[in-house]
Protein backbone atom coordinates (compact mmCIF):
# COMPACT_ATOMS: atom_id res chain seq x y z
CA MET A 1 -41.72 65.22 183.71
CA MET A 2 -40.49 62.89 186.43
CA THR A 3 -42.13 62.81 189.84
CA THR A 4 -41.93 60.43 192.76
CA PHE A 5 -44.40 57.59 193.04
CA GLN A 6 -45.04 54.79 195.51
CA LEU A 7 -42.74 51.94 194.56
CA PRO A 8 -44.62 48.63 194.58
CA PRO A 9 -42.77 45.93 196.55
CA PHE A 10 -40.82 43.30 194.66
CA ILE A 11 -41.62 39.64 194.98
CA THR A 12 -38.41 37.75 195.76
CA PRO A 13 -37.49 34.22 196.78
CA SER A 14 -36.38 35.57 200.18
CA SER A 15 -39.52 37.65 200.80
CA LYS A 16 -42.31 36.77 203.20
CA PHE A 17 -43.87 34.90 200.30
CA ALA A 18 -40.97 32.44 200.25
CA ASP A 19 -43.13 29.43 201.05
CA GLU A 20 -45.50 30.23 198.20
CA TYR A 21 -42.94 31.63 195.78
CA SER A 22 -39.78 29.56 195.75
CA ALA A 23 -37.11 30.56 193.27
CA ARG A 24 -38.21 27.85 190.84
CA ARG A 25 -41.87 28.70 191.22
CA LEU A 26 -41.13 32.37 190.62
CA ALA A 27 -39.25 31.46 187.44
CA ARG A 28 -42.15 29.28 186.27
CA GLN A 29 -44.67 32.02 186.96
CA ALA A 30 -42.52 34.47 185.04
CA ALA A 31 -42.35 32.04 182.12
CA SER A 32 -46.14 31.66 182.19
CA GLY A 33 -46.70 35.42 182.22
CA GLN A 34 -48.03 35.74 185.77
CA LEU A 35 -44.92 37.58 186.95
CA PHE A 36 -42.56 39.98 185.21
CA ARG A 37 -38.84 39.68 185.96
CA ILE A 38 -37.33 43.13 186.56
CA HIS A 39 -33.84 42.01 187.52
CA ARG A 40 -32.18 38.91 188.83
CA GLY A 41 -34.43 37.51 191.59
CA LEU A 42 -36.81 40.51 191.57
CA TYR A 43 -40.32 40.26 190.15
CA LEU A 44 -43.63 42.12 189.98
CA PRO A 45 -47.07 40.76 189.14
CA THR A 46 -47.45 41.24 185.39
CA GLU A 47 -50.62 43.30 185.79
CA VAL A 48 -48.77 45.67 188.15
CA TRP A 49 -45.85 46.03 185.73
CA ASP A 50 -48.17 46.64 182.77
CA SER A 51 -50.01 49.36 184.70
CA LEU A 52 -46.85 51.45 185.20
CA LEU A 53 -45.94 54.42 183.03
CA PRO A 54 -42.67 54.12 181.06
CA TRP A 55 -40.73 56.36 183.48
CA GLU A 56 -42.15 54.40 186.44
CA LYS A 57 -40.85 51.20 184.89
CA TYR A 58 -37.45 52.85 184.57
CA ARG A 59 -37.62 53.87 188.24
CA MET A 60 -38.37 50.25 189.15
CA ARG A 61 -35.32 49.12 187.17
CA ILE A 62 -33.19 51.59 189.12
CA GLN A 63 -34.60 50.27 192.40
CA ALA A 64 -33.94 46.70 191.28
CA VAL A 65 -30.29 47.51 190.59
CA HIS A 66 -30.06 49.05 194.06
CA GLU A 67 -31.67 46.11 195.85
CA SER A 68 -29.70 43.44 194.01
CA ALA A 69 -26.26 45.04 194.53
CA ARG A 70 -23.84 43.74 197.15
CA ASN A 71 -22.62 47.28 197.79
CA ALA A 72 -24.99 50.22 197.45
CA PRO A 73 -24.39 51.76 194.00
CA VAL A 74 -24.23 55.48 193.31
CA PHE A 75 -26.60 56.43 190.51
CA ALA A 76 -25.66 59.08 187.96
CA ARG A 77 -26.79 60.95 184.86
CA GLU A 78 -30.43 60.27 183.86
CA SER A 79 -30.83 57.72 186.66
CA ALA A 80 -29.83 60.26 189.31
CA ALA A 81 -32.01 62.93 187.69
CA GLN A 82 -35.01 60.63 187.68
CA ILE A 83 -34.63 59.81 191.37
CA MET A 84 -34.26 63.44 192.48
CA GLY A 85 -37.06 64.74 190.26
CA LEU A 86 -35.04 66.67 187.69
CA PRO A 87 -36.69 66.44 184.24
CA VAL A 88 -35.58 63.66 181.92
CA ILE A 89 -36.80 63.78 178.31
CA GLY A 90 -37.60 60.26 177.18
CA VAL A 91 -36.84 57.02 178.97
CA PRO A 92 -33.19 55.86 179.00
CA SER A 93 -32.35 52.36 177.86
CA GLU A 94 -29.82 51.82 180.67
CA VAL A 95 -29.45 52.47 184.37
CA GLN A 96 -26.31 54.51 185.06
CA THR A 97 -24.02 54.21 188.07
CA VAL A 98 -20.62 55.72 188.84
CA VAL A 99 -17.41 53.98 189.86
CA SER A 100 -14.37 55.58 191.45
CA PRO A 101 -11.96 57.46 189.15
CA GLY A 102 -9.43 55.09 187.64
CA ARG A 103 -11.66 52.03 187.85
CA SER A 104 -13.16 50.41 184.78
CA GLY A 105 -15.97 52.72 183.68
CA GLY A 106 -17.90 53.04 180.45
CA GLN A 107 -18.97 49.41 180.54
CA SER A 108 -22.51 48.11 180.21
CA ASN A 109 -23.75 44.85 181.65
CA ARG A 110 -27.35 43.63 181.91
CA GLY A 111 -28.77 47.06 181.30
CA VAL A 112 -26.47 48.83 183.77
CA ARG A 113 -23.78 51.23 182.54
CA ARG A 114 -20.91 52.08 184.86
CA VAL A 115 -19.31 55.48 184.30
CA ASN A 116 -16.25 56.98 185.94
CA ALA A 117 -16.81 59.55 188.64
CA VAL A 118 -15.13 62.92 188.20
CA ALA A 119 -12.11 63.36 190.47
CA GLY A 120 -12.85 65.96 193.14
CA ASP A 121 -16.63 65.60 193.10
CA PRO A 122 -18.36 65.79 196.50
CA PRO A 123 -19.78 62.72 198.28
CA PRO A 124 -23.07 61.35 196.94
CA TRP A 125 -26.44 62.39 198.26
CA GLU A 126 -28.87 59.89 199.73
CA MET A 127 -32.44 60.38 198.52
CA PHE A 128 -35.33 57.96 198.91
CA GLY A 129 -32.92 55.39 200.35
CA VAL A 130 -30.48 55.32 197.43
CA PHE A 131 -27.20 57.12 196.67
CA LEU A 132 -26.77 59.45 193.71
CA THR A 133 -24.58 62.22 192.38
CA PRO A 134 -25.61 65.63 193.83
CA PRO A 135 -27.81 67.94 191.70
CA PRO A 136 -25.11 70.27 190.26
CA GLN A 137 -22.97 67.31 189.23
CA THR A 138 -25.99 65.52 187.75
CA ALA A 139 -26.99 68.56 185.65
CA ARG A 140 -23.35 69.03 184.60
CA ASP A 141 -23.00 65.42 183.48
CA LEU A 142 -26.18 65.57 181.40
CA ALA A 143 -25.00 68.81 179.78
CA VAL A 144 -21.76 67.05 178.77
CA ARG A 145 -23.36 64.06 177.11
CA LEU A 146 -26.82 65.12 175.89
CA PRO A 147 -27.97 67.56 173.21
CA LEU A 148 -29.54 70.80 174.38
CA THR A 149 -33.01 69.27 174.08
CA GLY A 150 -32.03 66.74 176.74
CA SER A 151 -29.93 68.89 179.06
CA LEU A 152 -31.71 72.26 179.14
CA PRO A 153 -34.83 71.02 181.00
CA THR A 154 -32.60 69.65 183.77
CA MET A 155 -30.53 72.84 184.05
CA ASP A 156 -33.60 75.12 184.03
CA LYS A 157 -35.14 73.13 186.88
CA LEU A 158 -31.93 73.05 188.91
CA LEU A 159 -31.66 76.85 188.86
CA GLN A 160 -35.22 77.47 190.07
CA ARG A 161 -34.20 77.58 193.75
CA ILE A 162 -36.93 75.14 194.73
CA PRO A 163 -35.99 72.28 197.10
CA LEU A 164 -36.07 68.91 195.41
CA SER A 165 -38.39 66.40 197.01
CA GLY A 166 -36.47 63.98 199.21
CA SER A 167 -33.41 66.21 199.56
CA PRO A 168 -31.32 65.43 202.66
CA GLY A 169 -31.58 68.04 205.38
CA ASN A 170 -27.97 69.05 205.92
CA PRO A 171 -26.43 69.92 202.49
CA GLN A 172 -27.00 73.00 200.37
CA GLN A 173 -30.55 73.01 198.98
CA PHE A 174 -30.45 75.73 196.30
CA PHE A 175 -28.03 75.96 193.42
CA SER A 176 -26.82 78.71 191.13
CA GLU A 177 -24.83 78.92 187.93
CA ASP A 178 -21.72 79.36 190.08
CA ASP A 179 -22.33 75.97 191.71
CA VAL A 180 -22.57 74.30 188.32
CA ARG A 181 -19.48 76.13 187.08
CA ALA A 182 -17.53 74.96 190.14
CA ALA A 183 -18.53 71.39 189.31
CA THR A 184 -17.68 71.97 185.66
CA ALA A 185 -14.17 73.17 186.50
CA LEU A 186 -13.38 69.60 187.62
CA LEU A 187 -14.01 68.15 184.16
CA PRO A 188 -10.87 66.86 182.48
CA ASN A 189 -11.03 68.65 179.13
CA ALA A 190 -12.11 71.93 177.57
CA THR A 191 -14.62 70.35 175.19
CA GLN A 192 -16.66 68.99 178.08
CA ARG A 193 -16.48 72.27 179.96
CA GLY A 194 -17.60 74.13 176.85
CA ARG A 195 -20.68 71.93 176.49
CA VAL A 196 -21.78 72.74 180.02
CA GLU A 197 -21.12 76.45 179.54
CA ARG A 198 -23.28 76.44 176.41
CA VAL A 199 -26.23 75.09 178.40
CA LEU A 200 -25.65 77.53 181.27
CA THR A 201 -25.60 80.45 178.83
CA VAL A 202 -29.20 79.79 177.76
CA ALA A 203 -30.61 78.24 180.96
CA ASP A 204 -33.48 80.17 182.52
CA PRO A 205 -35.17 79.37 185.86
CA LEU A 206 -38.33 81.16 184.67
CA SER A 207 -39.13 78.10 182.57
CA GLU A 208 -41.91 76.37 184.50
CA SER A 209 -42.01 72.91 182.94
CA ALA A 210 -39.93 70.40 181.05
CA GLY A 211 -42.10 71.00 177.99
CA GLU A 212 -41.38 74.73 178.06
CA SER A 213 -37.65 74.06 178.39
CA LEU A 214 -37.70 71.54 175.56
CA SER A 215 -39.62 74.04 173.40
CA ARG A 216 -36.98 76.68 174.03
CA ALA A 217 -34.17 74.24 173.25
CA ILE A 218 -35.76 73.51 169.87
CA MET A 219 -36.06 77.25 169.21
CA ILE A 220 -32.41 77.78 170.07
CA GLU A 221 -31.16 74.86 167.98
CA HIS A 222 -33.08 76.11 164.92
CA GLY A 223 -32.09 79.74 165.28
CA PHE A 224 -35.38 81.38 166.24
CA LYS A 225 -35.50 84.70 168.05
CA LEU A 226 -35.84 83.88 171.73
CA PRO A 227 -38.95 85.06 173.60
CA ALA A 228 -39.25 86.57 177.05
CA LEU A 229 -40.63 84.10 179.58
CA GLN A 230 -43.59 84.45 181.94
CA THR A 231 -44.22 88.17 181.38
CA PHE A 232 -47.10 89.78 183.32
CA ILE A 233 -49.90 90.91 181.01
CA SER A 234 -52.90 93.02 182.05
CA ASP A 235 -55.69 95.08 180.50
CA SER A 236 -58.29 97.55 181.76
CA ARG A 237 -59.95 94.73 183.73
CA GLY A 238 -56.73 93.83 185.50
CA PHE A 239 -54.28 90.94 185.40
CA ILE A 240 -54.71 88.52 182.48
CA GLY A 241 -51.88 86.06 182.98
CA ARG A 242 -48.26 85.13 182.32
CA PRO A 243 -47.88 83.59 178.87
CA ASP A 244 -45.15 80.98 178.62
CA PHE A 245 -43.44 82.78 175.71
CA ASP A 246 -43.65 86.43 174.66
CA TRP A 247 -42.37 87.76 171.33
CA GLU A 248 -43.30 91.37 172.01
CA GLU A 249 -42.13 92.82 168.70
CA GLN A 250 -44.18 90.26 166.82
CA LYS A 251 -47.17 90.74 169.19
CA THR A 252 -47.25 86.96 169.62
CA PHE A 253 -47.59 84.80 172.70
CA GLY A 254 -46.74 81.11 172.78
CA GLU A 255 -48.30 78.58 175.14
CA PHE A 256 -47.15 75.03 175.75
CA ASP A 257 -50.10 72.90 176.86
CA GLY A 258 -48.89 69.98 178.94
CA TYR A 259 -51.38 67.33 179.95
CA GLU A 260 -50.91 68.17 183.64
CA LYS A 261 -52.66 71.51 183.11
CA TYR A 262 -55.91 69.61 182.66
CA SER A 263 -55.32 66.83 185.20
CA SER A 264 -53.07 67.93 188.08
CA GLN A 265 -54.69 69.56 191.11
CA LYS A 266 -51.73 71.93 191.20
CA TYR A 267 -53.09 73.50 188.02
CA LEU A 268 -56.80 72.72 188.35
CA ARG A 269 -57.03 74.42 191.78
CA GLY A 270 -60.38 72.85 192.53
CA ARG A 271 -61.75 73.39 189.02
CA THR A 272 -62.83 70.77 186.52
CA PRO A 273 -60.83 70.32 183.30
CA ALA A 274 -63.77 71.82 181.39
CA GLN A 275 -63.66 74.93 183.57
CA VAL A 276 -59.92 75.26 182.93
CA VAL A 277 -60.51 75.08 179.16
CA VAL A 278 -63.18 77.81 179.37
CA ALA A 279 -60.91 80.01 181.51
CA GLU A 280 -58.09 79.57 178.98
CA LYS A 281 -60.43 80.56 176.14
CA LEU A 282 -61.57 83.72 177.98
CA ARG A 283 -57.99 84.65 178.79
CA GLU A 284 -56.99 84.16 175.17
CA ASP A 285 -59.88 86.38 174.02
CA ARG A 286 -58.58 89.18 176.25
CA LEU A 287 -55.07 88.79 174.85
CA ARG A 288 -56.33 88.93 171.27
CA ALA A 289 -58.36 92.02 172.15
CA LYS A 290 -55.04 93.69 173.01
CA GLY A 291 -53.77 92.87 169.52
CA TYR A 292 -51.79 89.72 170.31
CA ASN A 293 -51.69 86.49 168.36
CA VAL A 294 -51.65 83.35 170.52
CA ILE A 295 -50.12 80.09 169.31
CA ARG A 296 -50.29 76.80 171.20
CA TRP A 297 -48.53 73.49 170.98
CA ILE A 298 -48.51 70.16 172.83
CA TRP A 299 -46.13 67.29 173.53
CA GLU A 300 -46.72 65.72 170.11
CA ASP A 301 -45.39 68.89 168.51
CA LEU A 302 -42.17 68.51 170.50
CA ARG A 303 -41.70 64.82 169.81
CA ASP A 304 -41.58 65.78 166.11
CA PRO A 305 -39.84 69.20 166.28
CA ARG A 306 -40.71 69.90 162.66
CA ARG A 307 -44.26 70.57 163.82
CA LEU A 308 -43.19 73.27 166.28
CA ILE A 309 -40.76 74.76 163.74
CA GLN A 310 -43.54 75.04 161.14
CA LEU A 311 -45.88 76.60 163.71
CA LEU A 312 -43.30 79.25 164.60
CA HIS A 313 -42.62 80.03 160.95
CA GLU A 314 -46.33 80.37 160.22
CA ALA A 315 -46.68 82.74 163.20
CA GLY A 316 -43.97 84.97 161.77
CA ILE A 317 -41.36 84.37 164.48
CA PRO A 318 -38.09 85.54 162.90
CA LEU A 319 -34.72 83.86 162.95
CA ARG A 320 -31.91 85.55 164.86
C-alpha cells in the first residue's frame, strides 16, 4: 500500500552545498559509493537511499523527474496513483508521464515513459507540488493496461468516498462508478472501454486494503465463489467483528493479515502487537464457537497466488 512520506532533499550542484559538492565532486562521490545518483544532477547519500523502501525509492524517482524537467510534467498511471495514495501492487520499472494527444507518446527514455493523454480529459490535479492525472482518469488508465490483480485495488480505493491525502481544495473530492464511466467514454476503442467496465463490475468500496482487493482479484480470476465483505457478526456476548470475507453457505470466514495490522497505530489503537494477536485469537475462538471455520493468509500467499488458491480449495470454497 502506498502512503505519503517525507521526501529527503536531493543534493545537487546548484544546492546550498555547491561549494562542497561541485558537479565533478558529486560525480566522484557517486563513483566511490558515498552518493547515489537518482537522476541527472540529483543525488542522495547512499545510506539514505539504501534505507528507503522500494516504493519510496520509486517516489524519489518520480520527484527527480519532476525537479529535472524544464516544464512541469504531468504524471500518469502508476506514477500518478503512487503520488495520490491509490494502491499500486508492486513497484513499476518506469516513471510515467502524459503528453498532449497527437504528440509522440509511448516512448521510453532514461526510465521515463511518455504516454498520450486521452482527448477530452480534464486538466491535471496538483498534489504535493506535482501535476498528475485526476483520480478517475488514473483508475481508468490502470484498468485499461493492467490485469485485474493490478487494477482492482486502485478502483476499490477510488470508490470508497474517502478524500485522498493532498487533494486540492476546489475540485470534486469523491468519485462514483458514474465518474469513471464518464472518463471511460472518452477512450478511443471498445476494447479499452470493455476492460474498464470489467473492473467496475467487480469493484467494491467495502474492501479495506490493497491486500483484500488483490485477494478478491485472485478469487475472481480463478473462478471462486465470491464472498460477502465486512459482514457484522455477533453472538450472545455482543459484537464479534467484521471478517474480511464471508462465505456464509460454507460457514467460512477469510482474513487477510497485512503487516500494518500489527504495526500501524491506526490498527493497534494504543495496544501492543502482542495484545492485538491475543485479541484476534479470542475473536476467532468466538467465531468457531458459532460453527465457522476461519482461514487466514498473508502477503506471501498473494505474491504466489497458488498458495491462496490451494488454501481456498482446502477450505472447501466452491467454484462458481
